[in-house]
Amino acid sequence: MIDRIRALLEQQPMISLDFSTITDDTNLYDAGLTSFATVQVMLALEEEFNIEFPEAMLTRRTFSSLSNVADAVSRLTQQAA
């Protein structure tokens, strides 16, 4: 799951992070993720995985690392199944 998310985010032109230096637990905000880019991340994930992030999950913590993103996507895809 994390590899799929990483590949998806690497393809997003509005997300200018050096993914070669980012581990699964790197704080993406410390690495340069902006609020605007977070919205782009959310939209890309929703489209790719056919999910919708509920308002309660729209927090900085949800998008702070690839591990957190993967956990959130896993929970949402399981709920949708």
PDB file of N, CA and C in Angstrom:
ATOM      1  N   MET A   1       0.826  -1.195   0.000  1.00  0.00           N
ATOM      2  CA  MET A   1       0.000   0.000   0.000  1.00  0.00           C
ATOM      3  C   MET A   1       0.869   1.256   0.000  1.00  0.00           C
ATOM      4  N   ILE A   2       1.883   1.295   0.863  1.00  0.00           N
ATOM      5  CA  ILE A   2       2.725   2.495   0.946  1.00  0.00           C
ATOM      6  C   ILE A   2       3.448   2.737  -0.372  1.00  0.00           C
ATOM      7  N   ASP A   3       3.925   1.674  -1.013  1.00  0.00           N
ATOM      8  CA  ASP A   3       4.621   1.848  -2.294  1.00  0.00           C
ATOM      9  C   ASP A   3       3.686   2.431  -3.349  1.00  0.00           C
ATOM     10  N   ARG A   4       2.458   1.996  -3.355  1.00  0.00           N
ATOM     11  CA  ARG A   4       1.468   2.522  -4.303  1.00  0.00           C
ATOM     12  C   ARG A   4       1.186   4.001  -4.025  1.00  0.00           C
ATOM     13  N   ILE A   5       1.059   4.348  -2.762  1.00  0.00           N
ATOM     14  CA  ILE A   5       0.816   5.744  -2.385  1.00  0.00           C
ATOM     15  C   ILE A   5       2.032   6.600  -2.734  1.00  0.00           C
ATOM     16  N   ARG A   6       3.217   6.110  -2.426  1.00  0.00           N
ATOM     17  CA  ARG A   6       4.451   6.833  -2.753  1.00  0.00           C
ATOM     18  C   ARG A   6       4.528   7.106  -4.260  1.00  0.00           C
ATOM     19  N   ALA A   7       4.275   6.078  -5.064  1.00  0.00           N
ATOM     20  CA  ALA A   7       4.329   6.241  -6.521  1.00  0.00           C
ATOM     21  C   ALA A   7       3.290   7.253  -6.998  1.00  0.00           C
ATOM     22  N   LEU A   8       2.104   7.214  -6.434  1.00  0.00           N
ATOM     23  CA  LEU A   8       1.052   8.149  -6.805  1.00  0.00           C
ATOM     24  C   LEU A   8       1.461   9.582  -6.480  1.00  0.00           C
ATOM     25  N   LEU A   9       1.995   9.800  -5.288  1.00  0.00           N
ATOM     26  CA  LEU A   9       2.376  11.146  -4.866  1.00  0.00           C
ATOM     27  C   LEU A   9       3.576  11.669  -5.650  1.00  0.00           C
ATOM     28  N   GLU A  10       4.481  10.778  -6.022  1.00  0.00           N
ATOM     29  CA  GLU A  10       5.633  11.195  -6.829  1.00  0.00           C
ATOM     30  C   GLU A  10       5.198  11.738  -8.182  1.00  0.00           C
ATOM     31  N   GLN A  11       4.062  11.311  -8.671  1.00  0.00           N
ATOM     32  CA  GLN A  11       3.562  11.740  -9.985  1.00  0.00           C
ATOM     33  C   GLN A  11       2.813  13.061  -9.945  1.00  0.00           C
ATOM     34  N   GLN A  12       2.531  13.569  -8.748  1.00  0.00           N
ATOM     35  CA  GLN A  12       1.748  14.798  -8.625  1.00  0.00           C
ATOM     36  C   GLN A  12       2.653  16.020  -8.786  1.00  0.00           C
ATOM     37  N   PRO A  13       2.411  16.843  -9.794  1.00  0.00           N
ATOM     38  CA  PRO A  13       3.293  17.990 -10.042  1.00  0.00           C
ATOM     39  C   PRO A  13       3.277  19.042  -8.929  1.00  0.00           C
ATOM     40  N   MET A  14       2.220  19.129  -8.156  1.00  0.00           N
ATOM     41  CA  MET A  14       2.126  20.145  -7.108  1.00  0.00           C
ATOM     42  C   MET A  14       2.816  19.709  -5.811  1.00  0.00           C
ATOM     43  N   ILE A  15       3.290  18.472  -5.771  1.00  0.00           N
ATOM     44  CA  ILE A  15       3.950  17.957  -4.577  1.00  0.00           C
ATOM     45  C   ILE A  15       5.444  17.876  -4.871  1.00  0.00           C
ATOM     46  N   SER A  16       6.163  18.846  -4.377  1.00  0.00           N
ATOM     47  CA  SER A  16       7.593  18.927  -4.686  1.00  0.00           C
ATOM     48  C   SER A  16       8.436  18.432  -3.519  1.00  0.00           C
ATOM     49  N   LEU A  17       8.337  17.140  -3.246  1.00  0.00           N
ATOM     50  CA  LEU A  17       9.142  16.516  -2.205  1.00  0.00           C
ATOM     51  C   LEU A  17      10.132  15.559  -2.853  1.00  0.00           C
ATOM     52  N   ASP A  18      11.288  15.413  -2.249  1.00  0.00           N
ATOM     53  CA  ASP A  18      12.287  14.467  -2.732  1.00  0.00           C
ATOM     54  C   ASP A  18      12.006  13.113  -2.091  1.00  0.00           C
ATOM     55  N   PHE A  19      11.230  12.289  -2.781  1.00  0.00           N
ATOM     56  CA  PHE A  19      10.803  11.021  -2.204  1.00  0.00           C
ATOM     57  C   PHE A  19      11.941  10.027  -2.030  1.00  0.00           C
ATOM     58  N   SER A  20      13.092  10.290  -2.644  1.00  0.00           N
ATOM     59  CA  SER A  20      14.228   9.387  -2.450  1.00  0.00           C
ATOM     60  C   SER A  20      14.787   9.512  -1.029  1.00  0.00           C
ATOM     61  N   THR A  21      14.477  10.614  -0.348  1.00  0.00           N
ATOM     62  CA  THR A  21      14.979  10.815   1.018  1.00  0.00           C
ATOM     63  C   THR A  21      13.898  10.619   2.070  1.00  0.00           C
ATOM     64  N   ILE A  22      12.687  10.294   1.642  1.00  0.00           N
ATOM     65  CA  ILE A  22      11.561  10.186   2.567  1.00  0.00           C
ATOM     66  C   ILE A  22      11.288   8.721   2.900  1.00  0.00           C
ATOM     67  N   THR A  23      11.324   8.434   4.203  1.00  0.00           N
ATOM     68  CA  THR A  23      10.980   7.089   4.656  1.00  0.00           C
ATOM     69  C   THR A  23       9.480   7.046   4.919  1.00  0.00           C
ATOM     70  N   ASP A  24       8.996   5.887   5.273  1.00  0.00           N
ATOM     71  CA  ASP A  24       7.568   5.734   5.545  1.00  0.00           C
ATOM     72  C   ASP A  24       7.111   6.595   6.717  1.00  0.00           C
ATOM     73  N   ASP A  25       8.021   6.894   7.643  1.00  0.00           N
ATOM     74  CA  ASP A  25       7.655   7.641   8.845  1.00  0.00           C
ATOM     75  C   ASP A  25       8.186   9.076   8.875  1.00  0.00           C
ATOM     76  N   THR A  26       8.802   9.522   7.792  1.00  0.00           N
ATOM     77  CA  THR A  26       9.271  10.907   7.716  1.00  0.00           C
ATOM     78  C   THR A  26       8.086  11.850   7.829  1.00  0.00           C
ATOM     79  N   ASN A  27       8.242  12.907   8.609  1.00  0.00           N
ATOM     80  CA  ASN A  27       7.191  13.916   8.698  1.00  0.00           C
ATOM     81  C   ASN A  27       7.183  14.698   7.385  1.00  0.00           C
ATOM     82  N   LEU A  28       6.109  14.542   6.624  1.00  0.00           N
ATOM     83  CA  LEU A  28       6.026  15.169   5.308  1.00  0.00           C
ATOM     84  C   LEU A  28       5.980  16.686   5.386  1.00  0.00           C
ATOM     85  N   TYR A  29       5.435  17.208   6.460  1.00  0.00           N
ATOM     86  CA  TYR A  29       5.393  18.665   6.619  1.00  0.00           C
ATOM     87  C   TYR A  29       6.799  19.211   6.878  1.00  0.00           C
ATOM     88  N   ASP A  30       7.584  18.487   7.674  1.00  0.00           N
ATOM     89  CA  ASP A  30       8.975  18.893   7.895  1.00  0.00           C
ATOM     90  C   ASP A  30       9.781  18.794   6.602  1.00  0.00           C
ATOM     91  N   ALA A  31       9.381  17.872   5.720  1.00  0.00           N
ATOM     92  CA  ALA A  31      10.065  17.692   4.440  1.00  0.00           C
ATOM     93  C   ALA A  31       9.625  18.715   3.392  1.00  0.00           C
ATOM     94  N   GLY A  32       8.611  19.524   3.715  1.00  0.00           N
ATOM     95  CA  GLY A  32       8.210  20.582   2.799  1.00  0.00           C
ATOM     96  C   GLY A  32       6.788  20.515   2.272  1.00  0.00           C
ATOM     97  N   LEU A  33       6.000  19.561   2.733  1.00  0.00           N
ATOM     98  CA  LEU A  33       4.612  19.477   2.284  1.00  0.00           C
ATOM     99  C   LEU A  33       3.845  20.708   2.768  1.00  0.00           C
ATOM    100  N   THR A  34       3.129  21.345   1.860  1.00  0.00           N
ATOM    101  CA  THR A  34       2.361  22.543   2.205  1.00  0.00           C
ATOM    102  C   THR A  34       0.886  22.188   2.370  1.00  0.00           C
ATOM    103  N   SER A  35       0.129  23.130   2.881  1.00  0.00           N
ATOM    104  CA  SER A  35      -1.318  22.925   3.023  1.00  0.00           C
ATOM    105  C   SER A  35      -1.964  22.708   1.669  1.00  0.00           C
ATOM    106  N   PHE A  36      -1.547  23.495   0.691  1.00  0.00           N
ATOM    107  CA  PHE A  36      -2.101  23.340  -0.660  1.00  0.00           C
ATOM    108  C   PHE A  36      -1.765  21.959  -1.218  1.00  0.00           C
ATOM    109  N   ALA A  37      -0.530  21.524  -1.027  1.00  0.00           N
ATOM    110  CA  ALA A  37      -0.133  20.205  -1.519  1.00  0.00           C
ATOM    111  C   ALA A  37      -0.894  19.095  -0.799  1.00  0.00           C
ATOM    112  N   THR A  38      -1.231  19.312   0.468  1.00  0.00           N
ATOM    113  CA  THR A  38      -2.010  18.324   1.211  1.00  0.00           C
ATOM    114  C   THR A  38      -3.371  18.109   0.558  1.00  0.00           C
ATOM    115  N   VAL A  39      -3.978  19.176   0.097  1.00  0.00           N
ATOM    116  CA  VAL A  39      -5.257  19.057  -0.614  1.00  0.00           C
ATOM    117  C   VAL A  39      -5.054  18.252  -1.896  1.00  0.00           C
ATOM    118  N   GLN A  40      -3.948  18.484  -2.592  1.00  0.00           N
ATOM    119  CA  GLN A  40      -3.663  17.728  -3.811  1.00  0.00           C
ATOM    120  C   GLN A  40      -3.460  16.247  -3.494  1.00  0.00           C
ATOM    121  N   VAL A  41      -2.795  15.971  -2.383  1.00  0.00           N
ATOM    122  CA  VAL A  41      -2.602  14.587  -1.930  1.00  0.00           C
ATOM    123  C   VAL A  41      -3.958  13.933  -1.687  1.00  0.00           C
ATOM    124  N   MET A  42      -4.811  14.610  -0.952  1.00  0.00           N
ATOM    125  CA  MET A  42      -6.125  14.069  -0.633  1.00  0.00           C
ATOM    126  C   MET A  42      -6.921  13.774  -1.905  1.00  0.00           C
ATOM    127  N   LEU A  43      -6.941  14.718  -2.828  1.00  0.00           N
ATOM    128  CA  LEU A  43      -7.699  14.531  -4.066  1.00  0.00           C
ATOM    129  C   LEU A  43      -7.148  13.374  -4.896  1.00  0.00           C
ATOM    130  N   ALA A  44      -5.843  13.267  -4.982  1.00  0.00           N
ATOM    131  CA  ALA A  44      -5.227  12.174  -5.741  1.00  0.00           C
ATOM    132  C   ALA A  44      -5.558  10.822  -5.111  1.00  0.00           C
ATOM    133  N   LEU A  45      -5.509  10.761  -3.795  1.00  0.00           N
ATOM    134  CA  LEU A  45      -5.828   9.509  -3.094  1.00  0.00           C
ATOM    135  C   LEU A  45      -7.295   9.131  -3.274  1.00  0.00           C
ATOM    136  N   GLU A  46      -8.170  10.121  -3.164  1.00  0.00           N
ATOM    137  CA  GLU A  46      -9.601   9.842  -3.339  1.00  0.00           C
ATOM    138  C   GLU A  46      -9.881   9.293  -4.728  1.00  0.00           C
ATOM    139  N   GLU A  47      -9.245   9.870  -5.723  1.00  0.00           N
ATOM    140  CA  GLU A  47      -9.469   9.401  -7.097  1.00  0.00           C
ATOM    141  C   GLU A  47      -8.869   8.016  -7.321  1.00  0.00           C
ATOM    142  N   GLU A  48      -7.650   7.819  -6.868  1.00  0.00           N
ATOM    143  CA  GLU A  48      -6.945   6.554  -7.078  1.00  0.00           C
ATOM    144  C   GLU A  48      -7.630   5.379  -6.380  1.00  0.00           C
ATOM    145  N   PHE A  49      -8.086   5.604  -5.160  1.00  0.00           N
ATOM    146  CA  PHE A  49      -8.631   4.506  -4.353  1.00  0.00           C
ATOM    147  C   PHE A  49     -10.154   4.513  -4.272  1.00  0.00           C
ATOM    148  N   ASN A  50     -10.788   5.450  -4.965  1.00  0.00           N
ATOM    149  CA  ASN A  50     -12.246   5.558  -4.981  1.00  0.00           C
ATOM    150  C   ASN A  50     -12.799   5.639  -3.552  1.00  0.00           C
ATOM    151  N   ILE A  51     -12.239   6.569  -2.806  1.00  0.00           N
ATOM    152  CA  ILE A  51     -12.646   6.795  -1.423  1.00  0.00           C
ATOM    153  C   ILE A  51     -12.944   8.275  -1.236  1.00  0.00           C
ATOM    154  N   GLU A  52     -13.496   8.614  -0.077  1.00  0.00           N
ATOM    155  CA  GLU A  52     -13.700  10.005   0.284  1.00  0.00           C
ATOM    156  C   GLU A  52     -13.299  10.181   1.742  1.00  0.00           C
ATOM    157  N   PHE A  53     -12.405  11.116   1.970  1.00  0.00           N
ATOM    158  CA  PHE A  53     -11.966  11.384   3.331  1.00  0.00           C
ATOM    159  C   PHE A  53     -13.067  12.130   4.075  1.00  0.00           C
ATOM    160  N   PRO A  54     -13.534  11.585   5.192  1.00  0.00           N
ATOM    161  CA  PRO A  54     -14.530  12.310   5.992  1.00  0.00           C
ATOM    162  C   PRO A  54     -13.844  13.492   6.681  1.00  0.00           C
ATOM    163  N   GLU A  55     -14.645  14.458   7.046  1.00  0.00           N
ATOM    164  CA  GLU A  55     -14.123  15.668   7.674  1.00  0.00           C
ATOM    165  C   GLU A  55     -13.255  15.350   8.893  1.00  0.00           C
ATOM    166  N   ALA A  56     -13.641  14.354   9.657  1.00  0.00           N
ATOM    167  CA  ALA A  56     -12.890  14.000  10.874  1.00  0.00           C
ATOM    168  C   ALA A  56     -11.458  13.554  10.576  1.00  0.00           C
ATOM    169  N   MET A  57     -11.206  13.092   9.353  1.00  0.00           N
ATOM    170  CA  MET A  57      -9.862  12.635   8.984  1.00  0.00           C
ATOM    171  C   MET A  57      -9.045  13.727   8.295  1.00  0.00           C
ATOM    172  N   LEU A  58      -9.622  14.870   8.087  1.00  0.00           N
ATOM    173  CA  LEU A  58      -8.905  15.950   7.414  1.00  0.00           C
ATOM    174  C   LEU A  58      -8.074  16.731   8.426  1.00  0.00           C
ATOM    175  N   THR A  59      -7.070  16.040   8.928  1.00  0.00           N
ATOM    176  CA  THR A  59      -6.188  16.631   9.931  1.00  0.00           C
ATOM    177  C   THR A  59      -4.741  16.558   9.465  1.00  0.00           C
ATOM    178  N   ARG A  60      -3.941  17.384  10.052  1.00  0.00           N
ATOM    179  CA  ARG A  60      -2.512  17.381   9.738  1.00  0.00           C
ATOM    180  C   ARG A  60      -1.901  16.003  10.045  1.00  0.00           C
ATOM    181  N   ARG A  61      -2.346  15.388  11.113  1.00  0.00           N
ATOM    182  CA  ARG A  61      -1.817  14.076  11.507  1.00  0.00           C
ATOM    183  C   ARG A  61      -2.066  13.008  10.432  1.00  0.00           C
ATOM    184  N   THR A  62      -3.242  13.011   9.833  1.00  0.00           N
ATOM    185  CA  THR A  62      -3.576  12.021   8.805  1.00  0.00           C
ATOM    186  C   THR A  62      -2.574  12.042   7.668  1.00  0.00           C
ATOM    187  N   PHE A  63      -2.115  13.227   7.298  1.00  0.00           N
ATOM    188  CA  PHE A  63      -1.254  13.386   6.132  1.00  0.00           C
ATOM    189  C   PHE A  63       0.205  13.664   6.500  1.00  0.00           C
ATOM    190  N   SER A  64       0.567  13.424   7.751  1.00  0.00           N
ATOM    191  CA  SER A  64       1.908  13.789   8.198  1.00  0.00           C
ATOM    192  C   SER A  64       3.006  12.812   7.791  1.00  0.00           C
ATOM    193  N   SER A  65       2.650  11.599   7.412  1.00  0.00           N
ATOM    194  CA  SER A  65       3.653  10.629   6.963  1.00  0.00           C
ATOM    195  C   SER A  65       2.998   9.643   6.002  1.00  0.00           C
ATOM    196  N   LEU A  66       3.832   8.964   5.241  1.00  0.00           N
ATOM    197  CA  LEU A  66       3.298   7.950   4.335  1.00  0.00           C
ATOM    198  C   LEU A  66       2.613   6.832   5.114  1.00  0.00           C
ATOM    199  N   SER A  67       3.152   6.492   6.276  1.00  0.00           N
ATOM    200  CA  SER A  67       2.528   5.458   7.115  1.00  0.00           C
ATOM    201  C   SER A  67       1.133   5.878   7.554  1.00  0.00           C
ATOM    202  N   ASN A  68       0.988   7.126   7.986  1.00  0.00           N
ATOM    203  CA  ASN A  68      -0.328   7.611   8.415  1.00  0.00           C
ATOM    204  C   ASN A  68      -1.303   7.657   7.252  1.00  0.00           C
ATOM    205  N   VAL A  69      -0.832   8.091   6.100  1.00  0.00           N
ATOM    206  CA  VAL A  69      -1.691   8.135   4.916  1.00  0.00           C
ATOM    207  C   VAL A  69      -2.139   6.727   4.556  1.00  0.00           C
ATOM    208  N   ALA A  70      -1.211   5.782   4.544  1.00  0.00           N
ATOM    209  CA  ALA A  70      -1.546   4.402   4.195  1.00  0.00           C
ATOM    210  C   ALA A  70      -2.550   3.810   5.175  1.00  0.00           C
ATOM    211  N   ASP A  71      -2.388   4.122   6.451  1.00  0.00           N
ATOM    212  CA  ASP A  71      -3.325   3.648   7.469  1.00  0.00           C
ATOM    213  C   ASP A  71      -4.727   4.206   7.206  1.00  0.00           C
ATOM    214  N   ALA A  72      -4.805   5.497   6.923  1.00  0.00           N
ATOM    215  CA  ALA A  72      -6.104   6.125   6.659  1.00  0.00           C
ATOM    216  C   ALA A  72      -6.749   5.535   5.404  1.00  0.00           C
ATOM    217  N   VAL A  73      -5.967   5.377   4.343  1.00  0.00           N
ATOM    218  CA  VAL A  73      -6.506   4.816   3.097  1.00  0.00           C
ATOM    219  C   VAL A  73      -6.974   3.381   3.322  1.00  0.00           C
ATOM    220  N   SER A  74      -6.213   2.615   4.070  1.00  0.00           N
ATOM    221  CA  SER A  74      -6.607   1.224   4.367  1.00  0.00           C
ATOM    222  C   SER A  74      -7.941   1.174   5.104  1.00  0.00           C
ATOM    223  N   ARG A  75      -8.083   2.037   6.103  1.00  0.00           N
ATOM    224  CA  ARG A  75      -9.346   2.065   6.857  1.00  0.00           C
ATOM    225  C   ARG A  75     -10.517   2.447   5.960  1.00  0.00           C
ATOM    226  N   LEU A  76     -10.312   3.442   5.089  1.00  0.00           N
ATOM    227  CA  LEU A  76     -11.399   3.898   4.225  1.00  0.00           C
ATOM    228  C   LEU A  76     -11.753   2.874   3.149  1.00  0.00           C
ATOM    229  N   THR A  77     -10.770   2.194   2.612  1.00  0.00           N
ATOM    230  CA  THR A  77     -11.060   1.176   1.591  1.00  0.00           C
ATOM    231  C   THR A  77     -11.770  -0.024   2.208  1.00  0.00           C
ATOM    232  N   GLN A  78     -11.415  -0.345   3.448  1.00  0.00           N
ATOM    233  CA  GLN A  78     -12.110  -1.448   4.142  1.00  0.00           C
ATOM    234  C   GLN A  78     -13.560  -1.090   4.432  1.00  0.00           C
ATOM    235  N   GLN A  79     -13.793   0.164   4.792  1.00  0.00           N
ATOM    236  CA  GLN A  79     -15.165   0.606   5.057  1.00  0.00           C
ATOM    237  C   GLN A  79     -16.000   0.595   3.786  1.00  0.00           C
ATOM    238  N   ALA A  80     -15.359   0.893   2.653  1.00  0.00           N
ATOM    239  CA  ALA A  80     -16.079   0.967   1.382  1.00  0.00           C
ATOM    240  C   ALA A  80     -16.402  -0.423   0.843  1.00  0.00           C
ATOM    241  N   ALA A  81     -15.667  -1.439   1.301  1.00  0.00           N
ATOM    242  CA  ALA A  81     -15.866  -2.797   0.775  1.00  0.00           C
ATOM    243  C   ALA A  81     -17.100  -3.449   1.329  1.00  0.00           C
TER     244      ALA A  81
END
